[in-house]
Amino acid sequence: MLISLLLGACSAGMETRSGEQIAMHSVDKIVKDDVIYPIDVYDPWEDFNRSTYNFNARLDDAVMIPVVNAYTNTMPGFVRTGVSNFFSNIDSVVDTVNSALQLRPRRTANNGGRLLVNSTLGVLGLFDVATLMDLPKMDEDFGQTLGYWGVAEGPYIVLPFWGPSNLRDTGGLTVDAWVTLKFLVAAGQPETWEWVVPYTTLWAIDARYNVGFRYYEMGSPYEYELVRRLYKTYREIQIKD
């Protein structure tokens, strides 16, 4: 509704003798500072966030999408599925820990069961046997855990390389990364960078491969605002689920 009003305000005008148009209504008369609109999100660092958004878009176009396209064209479908299943199984560690921190026993049992089944019968997670056994994936992270216990989301943030987030969820990402690292070390990986770099690189490729979003293909001049609002709504739904 806000976008429609703005577009209408831009097009509405009075024609002068020279053929030019002057605005009949200024933006200040339509968009009020003391009114909260459905698309509004607390974004005090908007200039920085927009610059980061544009940086991510250029990086995506120049690096990530070509790499993902090469990955898709060279790797057979069953290999790509196996890689996605492997990383999804690793994510089950974070899912299980955060379900437990939220004191949700059914989710904890489900996520822990997925980890156990896919790590054994699923051959280290390469096959998603757990879903066939009616143990669906239930995404949980530390940002959700903080939100579940009432921690406010804080300012909206666009993270370099990562994308939309907020202050609460950014802290949550750090905790989840630490939990994942400790699990992999406990599983036998040495605490060295030799495996972290290739692991993280393949994870990033798989993560981008599984996200269908493409920058500036929404056909809207308000893409930044829409992505910001969608992220906020998506996280609210996840926390309430």
Protein backbone atom coordinates (compact mmCIF):
# COMPACT_ATOMS: atom_id res chain seq x y z
CA MET A 1 0.00 0.00 0.00
CA LEU A 2 2.84 2.37 0.85
CA ILE A 3 4.57 1.68 -2.46
CA SER A 4 1.33 2.33 -4.36
CA LEU A 5 0.88 5.63 -2.56
CA LEU A 6 4.42 6.72 -3.32
CA LEU A 7 4.11 5.84 -6.98
CA GLY A 8 0.83 7.66 -7.15
CA ALA A 9 2.36 10.70 -5.53
CA CYS A 10 5.21 10.70 -8.03
CA SER A 11 2.84 10.55 -10.99
CA ALA A 12 0.24 12.96 -9.69
CA GLY A 13 0.93 16.53 -10.72
CA MET A 14 -0.26 19.73 -12.34
CA GLU A 15 0.95 20.57 -15.81
CA THR A 16 2.39 24.03 -16.31
CA ARG A 17 2.38 26.06 -19.53
CA SER A 18 5.87 24.84 -20.36
CA GLY A 19 4.66 21.25 -20.26
CA GLU A 20 6.44 20.43 -17.01
CA GLN A 21 4.65 18.91 -14.05
CA ILE A 22 4.75 20.05 -10.47
CA ALA A 23 3.87 17.72 -7.62
CA MET A 24 0.41 18.12 -6.16
CA HIS A 25 1.42 16.31 -2.97
CA SER A 26 4.82 16.21 -1.31
CA VAL A 27 6.17 13.00 0.22
CA ASP A 28 5.94 14.62 3.66
CA LYS A 29 2.17 14.80 3.30
CA ILE A 30 1.93 11.08 2.52
CA VAL A 31 4.66 9.41 4.60
CA LYS A 32 4.39 10.47 8.24
CA ASP A 33 7.32 10.25 10.66
CA ASP A 34 5.05 9.33 13.57
CA VAL A 35 3.30 6.45 11.74
CA ILE A 36 4.58 2.85 11.68
CA TYR A 37 3.99 1.31 8.26
CA PRO A 38 3.84 -2.46 7.55
CA ILE A 39 7.11 -2.35 5.61
CA ASP A 40 9.01 -0.47 8.35
CA VAL A 41 11.98 -2.17 10.05
CA TYR A 42 14.33 -0.63 12.62
CA ASP A 43 17.34 0.15 10.44
CA PRO A 44 19.48 2.93 12.00
CA TRP A 45 22.55 1.91 9.94
CA GLU A 46 20.71 1.98 6.62
CA ASP A 47 23.42 3.78 4.63
CA PHE A 48 26.03 1.20 5.65
CA ASN A 49 23.57 -1.64 5.11
CA ARG A 50 22.68 -0.48 1.61
CA SER A 51 26.37 -0.25 0.70
CA THR A 52 26.91 -3.77 2.02
CA TYR A 53 23.84 -5.00 0.14
CA ASN A 54 25.26 -3.60 -3.11
CA PHE A 55 28.67 -5.13 -2.33
CA ASN A 56 27.06 -8.54 -1.76
CA ALA A 57 25.13 -8.20 -5.01
CA ARG A 58 28.30 -7.45 -7.01
CA LEU A 59 30.19 -10.28 -5.28
CA ASP A 60 27.32 -12.65 -5.96
CA ASP A 61 27.18 -11.71 -9.63
CA ALA A 62 30.94 -11.82 -10.16
CA VAL A 63 31.91 -14.82 -8.03
CA MET A 64 29.23 -16.87 -6.34
CA ILE A 65 26.77 -17.35 -9.19
CA PRO A 66 29.47 -18.35 -11.73
CA VAL A 67 30.92 -20.78 -9.17
CA VAL A 68 27.47 -22.23 -8.42
CA ASN A 69 26.76 -22.57 -12.14
CA ALA A 70 30.07 -24.41 -12.64
CA TYR A 71 29.28 -26.61 -9.64
CA THR A 72 25.84 -27.42 -11.05
CA ASN A 73 27.16 -28.18 -14.53
CA THR A 74 30.06 -30.37 -13.44
CA MET A 75 28.69 -32.29 -10.45
CA PRO A 76 26.02 -34.98 -10.97
CA GLY A 77 22.72 -34.47 -9.16
CA PHE A 78 23.30 -37.30 -6.69
CA VAL A 79 26.64 -35.77 -5.66
CA ARG A 80 25.06 -32.36 -5.06
CA THR A 81 22.28 -34.00 -3.06
CA GLY A 82 24.82 -35.91 -0.98
CA VAL A 83 26.78 -32.74 -0.23
CA SER A 84 23.60 -30.90 0.81
CA ASN A 85 22.58 -33.84 3.01
CA PHE A 86 26.02 -33.90 4.64
CA PHE A 87 25.91 -30.25 5.65
CA SER A 88 22.27 -30.55 6.70
CA ASN A 89 23.31 -33.38 9.01
CA ILE A 90 26.04 -31.21 10.55
CA ASP A 91 23.38 -28.52 11.07
CA SER A 92 21.41 -31.06 13.11
CA VAL A 93 23.97 -30.58 15.86
CA VAL A 94 23.04 -26.90 16.13
CA ASP A 95 19.35 -27.79 15.78
CA THR A 96 19.58 -30.25 18.67
CA VAL A 97 21.55 -27.99 20.99
CA ASN A 98 19.21 -25.05 20.48
CA SER A 99 16.08 -27.18 20.84
CA ALA A 100 17.45 -28.30 24.20
CA LEU A 101 18.27 -24.72 25.22
CA GLN A 102 14.65 -23.81 24.46
CA LEU A 103 13.49 -26.68 26.73
CA ARG A 104 11.52 -28.29 23.91
CA PRO A 105 11.92 -32.05 24.46
CA ARG A 106 10.01 -33.23 21.37
CA ARG A 107 12.07 -31.08 19.02
CA THR A 108 15.26 -32.06 20.82
CA ALA A 109 14.44 -35.75 20.44
CA ASN A 110 13.52 -35.27 16.77
CA ASN A 111 16.69 -33.34 15.90
CA GLY A 112 18.90 -35.62 17.96
CA GLY A 113 17.29 -38.62 16.29
CA ARG A 114 17.98 -37.15 12.85
CA LEU A 115 21.63 -36.66 13.75
CA LEU A 116 21.99 -40.22 15.04
CA VAL A 117 20.13 -41.91 12.18
CA ASN A 118 21.72 -39.94 9.33
CA SER A 119 25.21 -40.19 10.83
CA THR A 120 24.95 -43.98 10.98
CA LEU A 121 22.39 -45.42 8.55
CA GLY A 122 22.80 -42.36 6.33
CA VAL A 123 26.60 -42.85 6.03
CA LEU A 124 27.82 -39.68 7.77
CA GLY A 125 24.77 -37.79 6.54
CA LEU A 126 25.21 -38.38 2.81
CA PHE A 127 21.73 -39.92 2.72
CA ASP A 128 18.69 -38.46 4.44
CA VAL A 129 17.31 -41.64 5.97
CA ALA A 130 15.77 -39.76 8.92
CA THR A 131 13.14 -38.02 6.78
CA LEU A 132 11.99 -41.41 5.50
CA MET A 133 11.63 -42.45 9.16
CA ASP A 134 9.31 -39.48 9.86
CA LEU A 135 12.01 -37.38 11.53
CA PRO A 136 11.70 -34.10 9.62
CA LYS A 137 14.32 -31.38 9.80
CA MET A 138 13.39 -28.67 12.31
CA ASP A 139 15.69 -25.69 11.90
CA GLU A 140 16.88 -24.08 15.12
CA ASP A 141 19.71 -21.65 15.79
CA PHE A 142 20.96 -19.56 18.70
CA GLY A 143 19.33 -16.42 17.32
CA GLN A 144 15.99 -18.25 17.52
CA THR A 145 16.85 -19.41 21.03
CA LEU A 146 17.51 -15.85 22.15
CA GLY A 147 14.27 -14.72 20.53
CA TYR A 148 12.38 -17.59 22.14
CA TRP A 149 13.47 -16.33 25.55
CA GLY A 150 12.44 -12.77 24.76
CA VAL A 151 15.67 -11.14 23.55
CA ALA A 152 14.84 -8.31 21.15
CA GLU A 153 16.15 -8.50 17.59
CA GLY A 154 17.88 -5.12 17.71
CA PRO A 155 18.89 -3.13 14.63
CA TYR A 156 18.72 -4.66 11.17
CA ILE A 157 22.14 -5.54 9.74
CA VAL A 158 23.31 -6.61 6.29
CA LEU A 159 26.41 -8.73 6.84
CA PRO A 160 29.16 -8.85 4.20
CA PHE A 161 29.06 -12.16 2.28
CA TRP A 162 26.19 -13.43 4.47
CA GLY A 163 23.27 -11.08 3.86
CA PRO A 164 20.26 -10.03 5.98
CA SER A 165 20.54 -10.33 9.75
CA ASN A 166 20.06 -8.31 12.91
CA LEU A 167 22.11 -7.67 16.02
CA ARG A 168 20.65 -10.63 17.93
CA ASP A 169 21.02 -13.09 15.07
CA THR A 170 24.56 -11.95 14.29
CA GLY A 171 25.60 -12.92 17.80
CA GLY A 172 23.74 -16.19 17.35
CA LEU A 173 25.72 -17.00 14.19
CA THR A 174 28.95 -16.78 16.18
CA VAL A 175 27.68 -19.18 18.84
CA ASP A 176 26.38 -21.67 16.26
CA ALA A 177 29.71 -21.60 14.39
CA TRP A 178 31.54 -22.33 17.66
CA VAL A 179 29.20 -25.26 18.45
CA THR A 180 29.73 -26.70 14.95
CA LEU A 181 33.50 -26.37 15.22
CA LYS A 182 33.59 -28.08 18.62
CA PHE A 183 31.45 -30.93 17.30
CA LEU A 184 33.72 -31.50 14.29
CA VAL A 185 36.81 -31.45 16.51
CA ALA A 186 35.16 -33.92 18.89
CA ALA A 187 34.35 -36.11 15.86
CA GLY A 188 38.04 -36.36 15.03
CA GLN A 189 38.98 -33.26 13.03
CA PRO A 190 42.21 -31.56 14.20
CA GLU A 191 42.09 -27.95 15.37
CA THR A 192 43.92 -26.66 12.27
CA TRP A 193 43.02 -24.50 9.30
CA GLU A 194 43.94 -27.14 6.70
CA TRP A 195 40.43 -28.59 6.70
CA VAL A 196 38.47 -25.49 7.83
CA VAL A 197 39.12 -23.54 4.62
CA PRO A 198 38.01 -26.24 2.13
CA TYR A 199 35.13 -27.21 4.42
CA THR A 200 33.90 -23.62 4.63
CA THR A 201 34.35 -23.09 0.88
CA LEU A 202 32.28 -26.15 -0.02
CA TRP A 203 29.69 -25.19 2.59
CA ALA A 204 29.38 -21.69 1.07
CA ILE A 205 28.94 -23.13 -2.44
CA ASP A 206 26.30 -25.58 -1.26
CA ALA A 207 24.49 -22.89 0.74
CA ARG A 208 24.30 -20.58 -2.29
CA TYR A 209 23.31 -23.49 -4.52
CA ASN A 210 20.28 -24.15 -2.31
CA VAL A 211 19.05 -20.53 -2.30
CA GLY A 212 17.08 -19.50 -5.36
CA PHE A 213 17.20 -15.76 -4.66
CA ARG A 214 19.02 -13.60 -7.21
CA TYR A 215 19.85 -9.97 -6.59
CA TYR A 216 17.92 -7.34 -8.55
CA GLU A 217 15.63 -9.84 -10.27
CA MET A 218 12.53 -8.91 -8.27
CA GLY A 219 11.64 -6.17 -10.74
CA SER A 220 11.07 -3.70 -7.92
CA PRO A 221 12.93 -0.48 -7.06
CA TYR A 222 12.19 -1.32 -3.43
CA GLU A 223 14.07 -4.63 -3.32
CA TYR A 224 16.17 -3.60 -0.30
CA GLU A 225 13.06 -2.71 1.70
CA LEU A 226 11.23 -5.88 0.65
CA VAL A 227 14.15 -8.18 1.54
CA ARG A 228 14.51 -6.41 4.88
CA ARG A 229 10.81 -6.85 5.68
CA LEU A 230 10.75 -10.47 4.50
CA TYR A 231 13.75 -11.35 6.67
CA LYS A 232 12.13 -9.81 9.75
CA THR A 233 8.85 -11.63 9.11
CA TYR A 234 10.60 -14.94 8.40
CA ARG A 235 12.52 -14.80 11.67
CA GLU A 236 9.40 -13.91 13.64
CA ILE A 237 7.64 -16.95 12.18
CA GLN A 238 10.58 -19.22 13.00
CA ILE A 239 10.70 -18.06 16.61
CA LYS A 240 6.94 -18.49 17.13
CA ASP A 241 6.86 -21.91 15.45
